[in-house]
Each structure stands twice: as C-alpha cells, then as structure tokens.
Amino acid sequence: LPGCELTASTKSYTFQVDEEDDSDHILALSVVCLSDGAKDECNVVEVVGRNHENQEIAVPVANLKLSCQPLLSLDNFKLQPPVTFRLAAGSGPVHLTGWHRIMHREDDSFGDDEDLSEEDEEELPSIMPAKK
C-alpha cells in the first residue's frame, strides 16, 4: 500500500494477499489526507475487516474536512489483510498511505522443547508468603 485514493467514483480499495501464501502480512496505515480538488465537507474513511468470529465489521478511522482537519496521522495503525478502505461519507479525494511488511515463517523445528535436557531447564524459586 504505497498509496491509494478514494473518490466519489472509487469509494473503496481492498488490500488482500494470496490465500496460498503462508507468510505473515502486516499492513500499516500511516497518513490519511485530503487531496487537491477536495470540497469543504466531511469525508469519513472507514476500515472494513473481519473480527475473530469472521463477521464483517466497519470502523471509522478518519473524519477529514478541508477547513479544519485536512490530514490525519495514524502512526502506523496496523491491520491484518484482507482489509477494505471505504469512503463512507464525502466525495474526496482522500489519499491513504502506509506500508506492507511480509514476514516469512521460518522452520518451526527449532522451537521443539524435546531437545532440552534437564540440565538446561531452570527451576524457578518458590514464592514465599509476605511477612505481616
């Protein structure tokens, strides 16, 4: 997501990754701002994703108006793809910028606890009751 623009004619943009890809993907939204040609009206941008029960949810993340708040920094608001950015109100144009990070999963065999010997395991001290 180097950037996308939401307008009256293009009200949404969906960022998705290949379902076959077993890497972890992080999408971070950095800045939402009004672009040249924006009217002095409320432009509401919402993020549409899925919750833990796989139900679609929409959350407004920005309410921009040319005369009072034309830009909003979201400090790398992290999202997990697939995610849709939607212009819920206003005609834009609203420009969104951010970054996409791909983290490739390594071989999980190094995480097996079976290779640890008893000597490698550290015993935790017992907890003593507090003195009154």
N, C-alpha and C. Protein backbone atom coordinates (compact mmCIF):
# COMPACT_ATOMS: atom_id res chain seq x y z
N LEU A 1 0.85 -1.18 0.00
CA LEU A 1 0.00 0.00 0.00
C LEU A 1 0.88 1.23 0.00
N PRO A 2 1.59 1.49 -1.08
CA PRO A 2 2.32 2.74 -1.15
C PRO A 2 1.35 3.90 -1.11
N GLY A 3 0.14 3.71 -1.56
CA GLY A 3 -0.89 4.73 -1.52
C GLY A 3 -2.08 4.35 -2.36
N CYS A 4 -3.23 4.86 -1.97
CA CYS A 4 -4.43 4.70 -2.77
C CYS A 4 -5.28 5.94 -2.57
N GLU A 5 -6.21 6.15 -3.47
CA GLU A 5 -7.05 7.33 -3.38
C GLU A 5 -8.51 6.92 -3.47
N LEU A 6 -9.31 7.46 -2.55
CA LEU A 6 -10.74 7.22 -2.53
C LEU A 6 -11.45 8.47 -3.03
N THR A 7 -12.36 8.29 -3.96
CA THR A 7 -13.09 9.42 -4.56
C THR A 7 -14.57 9.08 -4.65
N ALA A 8 -15.35 10.03 -5.18
CA ALA A 8 -16.78 9.79 -5.36
C ALA A 8 -17.02 8.64 -6.34
N SER A 9 -16.14 8.47 -7.31
CA SER A 9 -16.31 7.38 -8.29
C SER A 9 -15.64 6.08 -7.86
N THR A 10 -14.60 6.17 -7.02
CA THR A 10 -13.91 4.99 -6.49
C THR A 10 -13.97 5.06 -4.98
N LYS A 11 -15.06 4.55 -4.42
CA LYS A 11 -15.33 4.70 -2.99
C LYS A 11 -14.60 3.69 -2.11
N SER A 12 -14.01 2.66 -2.69
CA SER A 12 -13.34 1.67 -1.84
C SER A 12 -12.09 1.11 -2.51
N TYR A 13 -11.21 0.61 -1.67
CA TYR A 13 -9.98 -0.05 -2.12
C TYR A 13 -9.75 -1.23 -1.19
N THR A 14 -9.55 -2.41 -1.75
CA THR A 14 -9.31 -3.60 -0.94
C THR A 14 -7.88 -4.06 -1.10
N PHE A 15 -7.23 -4.28 0.03
CA PHE A 15 -5.88 -4.82 0.05
C PHE A 15 -5.98 -6.26 0.53
N GLN A 16 -5.54 -7.18 -0.32
CA GLN A 16 -5.58 -8.59 0.06
C GLN A 16 -4.30 -9.27 -0.40
N VAL A 17 -4.04 -10.41 0.22
CA VAL A 17 -2.86 -11.19 -0.13
C VAL A 17 -3.34 -12.54 -0.66
N ASP A 18 -2.44 -13.23 -1.33
CA ASP A 18 -2.74 -14.55 -1.87
C ASP A 18 -3.02 -15.52 -0.72
N GLU A 19 -4.16 -16.21 -0.78
CA GLU A 19 -4.53 -17.14 0.28
C GLU A 19 -3.55 -18.31 0.39
N GLU A 20 -2.84 -18.60 -0.68
CA GLU A 20 -1.87 -19.70 -0.69
C GLU A 20 -0.58 -19.31 0.04
N ASP A 21 -0.36 -18.03 0.24
CA ASP A 21 0.86 -17.53 0.88
C ASP A 21 0.81 -17.84 2.37
N ASP A 22 1.84 -18.53 2.87
CA ASP A 22 1.85 -18.86 4.29
C ASP A 22 2.70 -17.89 5.11
N SER A 23 3.05 -16.75 4.55
CA SER A 23 3.79 -15.72 5.27
C SER A 23 2.81 -14.89 6.09
N ASP A 24 3.34 -14.21 7.10
CA ASP A 24 2.53 -13.28 7.88
C ASP A 24 2.63 -11.92 7.23
N HIS A 25 1.50 -11.25 7.09
CA HIS A 25 1.45 -9.93 6.45
C HIS A 25 0.93 -8.91 7.44
N ILE A 26 1.58 -7.77 7.49
CA ILE A 26 1.13 -6.65 8.30
C ILE A 26 0.97 -5.46 7.39
N LEU A 27 -0.18 -4.82 7.47
CA LEU A 27 -0.45 -3.62 6.72
C LEU A 27 -0.60 -2.50 7.74
N ALA A 28 0.12 -1.42 7.55
CA ALA A 28 0.05 -0.30 8.49
C ALA A 28 -0.37 0.96 7.75
N LEU A 29 -1.35 1.64 8.29
CA LEU A 29 -1.86 2.88 7.72
C LEU A 29 -1.17 4.04 8.42
N SER A 30 -0.49 4.89 7.65
CA SER A 30 0.29 5.98 8.23
C SER A 30 -0.45 7.31 8.21
N VAL A 31 -0.89 7.74 7.03
CA VAL A 31 -1.49 9.06 6.87
C VAL A 31 -2.73 8.97 5.98
N VAL A 32 -3.75 9.71 6.38
CA VAL A 32 -4.96 9.88 5.58
C VAL A 32 -5.11 11.38 5.37
N CYS A 33 -5.19 11.84 4.11
CA CYS A 33 -5.27 13.27 3.88
C CYS A 33 -6.14 13.58 2.66
N LEU A 34 -6.69 14.78 2.67
CA LEU A 34 -7.46 15.24 1.52
C LEU A 34 -6.50 15.65 0.43
N SER A 35 -6.86 15.36 -0.81
CA SER A 35 -6.02 15.69 -1.97
C SER A 35 -6.58 16.93 -2.66
N ASP A 36 -5.84 17.39 -3.69
CA ASP A 36 -6.28 18.53 -4.48
C ASP A 36 -7.68 18.29 -5.04
N GLY A 37 -8.50 19.32 -4.96
CA GLY A 37 -9.85 19.22 -5.51
C GLY A 37 -10.90 18.84 -4.48
N ALA A 38 -10.48 18.63 -3.22
CA ALA A 38 -11.45 18.25 -2.18
C ALA A 38 -12.34 19.43 -1.83
N LYS A 39 -13.60 19.15 -1.57
CA LYS A 39 -14.56 20.17 -1.14
C LYS A 39 -14.48 20.29 0.38
N ASP A 40 -15.01 21.40 0.90
CA ASP A 40 -15.05 21.59 2.35
C ASP A 40 -16.28 20.87 2.91
N GLU A 41 -16.16 19.56 2.98
CA GLU A 41 -17.22 18.70 3.50
C GLU A 41 -16.58 17.62 4.35
N CYS A 42 -17.37 16.97 5.17
CA CYS A 42 -16.84 15.86 5.97
C CYS A 42 -16.60 14.65 5.08
N ASN A 43 -15.39 14.12 5.15
CA ASN A 43 -15.01 12.91 4.43
C ASN A 43 -14.65 11.85 5.47
N VAL A 44 -15.49 10.85 5.59
CA VAL A 44 -15.29 9.81 6.59
C VAL A 44 -14.71 8.57 5.90
N VAL A 45 -13.55 8.13 6.39
CA VAL A 45 -12.90 6.92 5.88
C VAL A 45 -13.06 5.83 6.94
N GLU A 46 -13.52 4.68 6.50
CA GLU A 46 -13.63 3.56 7.43
C GLU A 46 -12.84 2.36 6.92
N VAL A 47 -12.44 1.54 7.87
CA VAL A 47 -11.73 0.30 7.58
C VAL A 47 -12.72 -0.83 7.78
N VAL A 48 -12.81 -1.70 6.78
CA VAL A 48 -13.72 -2.83 6.84
C VAL A 48 -12.88 -4.10 6.88
N GLY A 49 -13.09 -4.89 7.90
CA GLY A 49 -12.35 -6.14 8.06
C GLY A 49 -13.24 -7.20 8.68
N ARG A 50 -12.63 -8.20 9.25
CA ARG A 50 -13.36 -9.30 9.89
C ARG A 50 -12.90 -9.44 11.33
N ASN A 51 -13.84 -9.73 12.22
CA ASN A 51 -13.49 -9.94 13.62
C ASN A 51 -13.13 -11.40 13.87
N HIS A 52 -12.92 -11.76 15.12
CA HIS A 52 -12.49 -13.12 15.47
C HIS A 52 -13.57 -14.17 15.17
N GLU A 53 -14.82 -13.74 14.99
CA GLU A 53 -15.90 -14.66 14.62
C GLU A 53 -16.17 -14.64 13.12
N ASN A 54 -15.26 -14.03 12.36
CA ASN A 54 -15.32 -13.93 10.91
C ASN A 54 -16.53 -13.12 10.41
N GLN A 55 -16.99 -12.20 11.25
CA GLN A 55 -18.07 -11.31 10.86
C GLN A 55 -17.46 -10.00 10.36
N GLU A 56 -18.07 -9.43 9.32
CA GLU A 56 -17.56 -8.18 8.77
C GLU A 56 -17.86 -7.03 9.74
N ILE A 57 -16.84 -6.21 10.00
CA ILE A 57 -17.02 -5.03 10.84
C ILE A 57 -16.42 -3.83 10.12
N ALA A 58 -17.02 -2.67 10.33
CA ALA A 58 -16.53 -1.43 9.74
C ALA A 58 -16.27 -0.45 10.87
N VAL A 59 -15.07 0.15 10.86
CA VAL A 59 -14.67 1.08 11.91
C VAL A 59 -14.19 2.37 11.25
N PRO A 60 -14.81 3.51 11.60
CA PRO A 60 -14.32 4.78 11.04
C PRO A 60 -12.95 5.12 11.65
N VAL A 61 -12.00 5.49 10.79
CA VAL A 61 -10.65 5.82 11.27
C VAL A 61 -10.29 7.28 11.03
N ALA A 62 -11.04 7.97 10.18
CA ALA A 62 -10.73 9.37 9.90
C ALA A 62 -11.98 10.13 9.50
N ASN A 63 -12.09 11.37 10.00
CA ASN A 63 -13.14 12.29 9.58
C ASN A 63 -12.42 13.58 9.21
N LEU A 64 -12.26 13.82 7.91
CA LEU A 64 -11.47 14.95 7.43
C LEU A 64 -12.37 16.02 6.83
N LYS A 65 -11.98 17.26 7.06
CA LYS A 65 -12.68 18.40 6.46
C LYS A 65 -11.61 19.42 6.10
N LEU A 66 -11.67 19.94 4.90
CA LEU A 66 -10.64 20.83 4.37
C LEU A 66 -10.37 22.03 5.27
N SER A 67 -11.40 22.64 5.85
CA SER A 67 -11.22 23.86 6.63
C SER A 67 -10.72 23.62 8.05
N CYS A 68 -10.82 22.41 8.58
CA CYS A 68 -10.38 22.21 9.96
C CYS A 68 -9.43 21.04 10.19
N GLN A 69 -9.53 19.98 9.45
CA GLN A 69 -8.61 18.86 9.61
C GLN A 69 -8.43 18.16 8.27
N PRO A 70 -7.50 18.68 7.44
CA PRO A 70 -7.31 18.08 6.12
C PRO A 70 -6.39 16.86 6.12
N LEU A 71 -5.73 16.58 7.27
CA LEU A 71 -4.75 15.49 7.33
C LEU A 71 -4.82 14.84 8.71
N LEU A 72 -4.62 13.52 8.74
CA LEU A 72 -4.60 12.79 10.00
C LEU A 72 -3.47 11.77 9.95
N SER A 73 -2.59 11.83 10.94
CA SER A 73 -1.53 10.83 11.07
C SER A 73 -2.05 9.71 11.96
N LEU A 74 -1.97 8.48 11.46
CA LEU A 74 -2.46 7.32 12.21
C LEU A 74 -1.33 6.51 12.85
N ASP A 75 -0.11 7.04 12.78
CA ASP A 75 1.02 6.45 13.49
C ASP A 75 1.17 4.95 13.23
N ASN A 76 1.09 4.57 11.95
CA ASN A 76 1.25 3.18 11.52
C ASN A 76 0.24 2.24 12.19
N PHE A 77 -1.03 2.58 12.05
CA PHE A 77 -2.14 1.78 12.55
C PHE A 77 -2.11 0.43 11.84
N LYS A 78 -1.82 -0.64 12.58
CA LYS A 78 -1.59 -1.96 11.99
C LYS A 78 -2.89 -2.73 11.78
N LEU A 79 -2.96 -3.34 10.61
CA LEU A 79 -4.12 -4.13 10.20
C LEU A 79 -3.66 -5.45 9.61
N GLN A 80 -4.54 -6.42 9.63
CA GLN A 80 -4.21 -7.71 9.03
C GLN A 80 -5.07 -7.91 7.79
N PRO A 81 -4.43 -8.08 6.62
CA PRO A 81 -5.18 -8.28 5.38
C PRO A 81 -6.01 -9.56 5.42
N PRO A 82 -7.09 -9.64 4.68
CA PRO A 82 -7.60 -8.63 3.74
C PRO A 82 -8.34 -7.53 4.49
N VAL A 83 -8.23 -6.32 3.98
CA VAL A 83 -8.88 -5.16 4.57
C VAL A 83 -9.33 -4.23 3.45
N THR A 84 -10.48 -3.60 3.66
CA THR A 84 -11.02 -2.66 2.69
C THR A 84 -11.09 -1.27 3.31
N PHE A 85 -10.62 -0.28 2.56
CA PHE A 85 -10.76 1.11 2.97
C PHE A 85 -11.92 1.68 2.18
N ARG A 86 -12.85 2.34 2.88
CA ARG A 86 -14.06 2.79 2.22
C ARG A 86 -14.34 4.25 2.58
N LEU A 87 -14.71 5.03 1.58
CA LEU A 87 -15.13 6.41 1.79
C LEU A 87 -16.62 6.36 2.13
N ALA A 88 -16.94 6.44 3.43
CA ALA A 88 -18.31 6.27 3.90
C ALA A 88 -19.13 7.53 3.73
N ALA A 89 -18.48 8.69 3.76
CA ALA A 89 -19.18 9.97 3.56
C ALA A 89 -18.23 10.92 2.86
N GLY A 90 -18.80 11.85 2.09
CA GLY A 90 -18.00 12.82 1.37
C GLY A 90 -17.65 12.32 -0.02
N SER A 91 -17.00 13.22 -0.78
CA SER A 91 -16.66 12.87 -2.16
C SER A 91 -15.16 12.84 -2.41
N GLY A 92 -14.36 13.11 -1.37
CA GLY A 92 -12.91 13.04 -1.53
C GLY A 92 -12.39 14.14 -2.43
N PRO A 93 -11.30 13.94 -3.06
CA PRO A 93 -10.43 12.76 -2.98
C PRO A 93 -9.66 12.70 -1.66
N VAL A 94 -9.56 11.48 -1.13
CA VAL A 94 -8.82 11.20 0.10
C VAL A 94 -7.68 10.26 -0.26
N HIS A 95 -6.48 10.63 0.12
CA HIS A 95 -5.30 9.82 -0.18
C HIS A 95 -4.85 9.09 1.09
N LEU A 96 -4.59 7.79 0.98
CA LEU A 96 -4.13 6.98 2.09
C LEU A 96 -2.73 6.47 1.79
N THR A 97 -1.86 6.55 2.78
CA THR A 97 -0.51 6.00 2.62
C THR A 97 -0.18 5.10 3.80
N GLY A 98 0.70 4.17 3.55
CA GLY A 98 1.11 3.25 4.60
C GLY A 98 2.19 2.32 4.08
N TRP A 99 2.38 1.21 4.77
CA TRP A 99 3.37 0.24 4.34
C TRP A 99 2.85 -1.18 4.56
N HIS A 100 3.48 -2.10 3.85
CA HIS A 100 3.13 -3.52 3.90
C HIS A 100 4.40 -4.30 4.22
N ARG A 101 4.35 -5.09 5.27
CA ARG A 101 5.51 -5.90 5.65
C ARG A 101 5.14 -7.37 5.54
N ILE A 102 6.05 -8.13 4.94
CA ILE A 102 5.88 -9.58 4.80
C ILE A 102 6.93 -10.25 5.67
N MET A 103 6.47 -11.10 6.56
CA MET A 103 7.39 -11.84 7.43
C MET A 103 7.27 -13.31 7.08
N HIS A 104 8.34 -13.85 6.54
CA HIS A 104 8.35 -15.25 6.12
C HIS A 104 8.54 -16.13 7.35
N ARG A 105 7.74 -17.14 7.43
CA ARG A 105 7.84 -18.07 8.57
C ARG A 105 9.05 -18.96 8.39
N GLU A 106 9.79 -19.12 9.46
CA GLU A 106 10.99 -19.96 9.45
C GLU A 106 10.59 -21.39 9.79
N ASP A 107 11.54 -22.29 9.65
CA ASP A 107 11.33 -23.69 10.01
C ASP A 107 11.00 -23.77 11.50
N ASP A 108 9.87 -24.42 11.85
CA ASP A 108 9.43 -24.49 13.23
C ASP A 108 10.19 -25.53 14.06
N SER A 109 11.07 -26.29 13.47
CA SER A 109 11.74 -27.36 14.20
C SER A 109 12.63 -26.85 15.32
N PHE A 110 13.11 -25.59 15.21
CA PHE A 110 13.99 -25.07 16.25
C PHE A 110 13.22 -24.80 17.55
N GLY A 111 11.91 -24.75 17.51
CA GLY A 111 11.13 -24.43 18.69
C GLY A 111 10.73 -25.64 19.51
N ASP A 112 11.14 -26.83 19.12
CA ASP A 112 10.76 -28.04 19.86
C ASP A 112 11.46 -28.06 21.21
N ASP A 113 10.67 -28.28 22.26
CA ASP A 113 11.21 -28.35 23.62
C ASP A 113 11.80 -29.72 23.93
N GLU A 114 11.59 -30.70 23.09
CA GLU A 114 12.06 -32.05 23.35
C GLU A 114 13.58 -32.12 23.35
N ASP A 115 14.26 -31.20 22.68
CA ASP A 115 15.71 -31.24 22.59
C ASP A 115 16.39 -30.73 23.86
N LEU A 116 15.64 -30.14 24.78
CA LEU A 116 16.24 -29.61 26.00
C LEU A 116 16.50 -30.73 26.99
N SER A 117 17.66 -30.72 27.58
CA SER A 117 17.95 -31.71 28.62
C SER A 117 17.51 -31.12 29.96
N GLU A 118 17.50 -31.97 30.98
CA GLU A 118 17.10 -31.49 32.30
C GLU A 118 18.08 -30.44 32.82
N GLU A 119 19.33 -30.52 32.40
CA GLU A 119 20.33 -29.56 32.86
C GLU A 119 20.04 -28.16 32.31
N ASP A 120 19.45 -28.09 31.12
CA ASP A 120 19.16 -26.80 30.50
C ASP A 120 17.96 -26.11 31.13
N GLU A 121 17.08 -26.88 31.76
CA GLU A 121 15.90 -26.30 32.35
C GLU A 121 16.25 -25.64 33.66
N GLU A 122 15.69 -24.46 33.88
CA GLU A 122 15.99 -23.71 35.07
C GLU A 122 14.80 -23.81 36.02
N GLU A 123 15.06 -24.13 37.28
CA GLU A 123 13.98 -24.25 38.25
C GLU A 123 13.71 -22.88 38.85
N LEU A 124 12.44 -22.52 38.90
CA LEU A 124 12.07 -21.23 39.47
C LEU A 124 12.00 -21.35 40.98
N PRO A 125 12.45 -20.32 41.70
CA PRO A 125 12.36 -20.38 43.17
C PRO A 125 10.90 -20.31 43.60
N SER A 126 10.62 -20.95 44.75
CA SER A 126 9.24 -20.92 45.23
C SER A 126 8.93 -19.54 45.78
N ILE A 127 7.67 -19.20 45.75
CA ILE A 127 7.22 -17.89 46.24
C ILE A 127 6.90 -18.00 47.72
N MET A 128 7.49 -17.12 48.51
CA MET A 128 7.29 -17.11 49.95
C MET A 128 6.17 -16.13 50.27
N PRO A 129 5.35 -16.44 51.27
CA PRO A 129 4.28 -15.51 51.66
C PRO A 129 4.89 -14.24 52.25
N ALA A 130 4.16 -13.14 52.10
CA ALA A 130 4.64 -11.86 52.61
C ALA A 130 4.56 -11.84 54.13
N LYS A 131 5.53 -11.16 54.76
CA LYS A 131 5.53 -11.04 56.22
C LYS A 131 4.62 -9.89 56.62
N LYS A 132 3.91 -10.12 57.72
CA LYS A 132 2.98 -9.07 58.19
C LYS A 132 3.64 -8.21 59.23
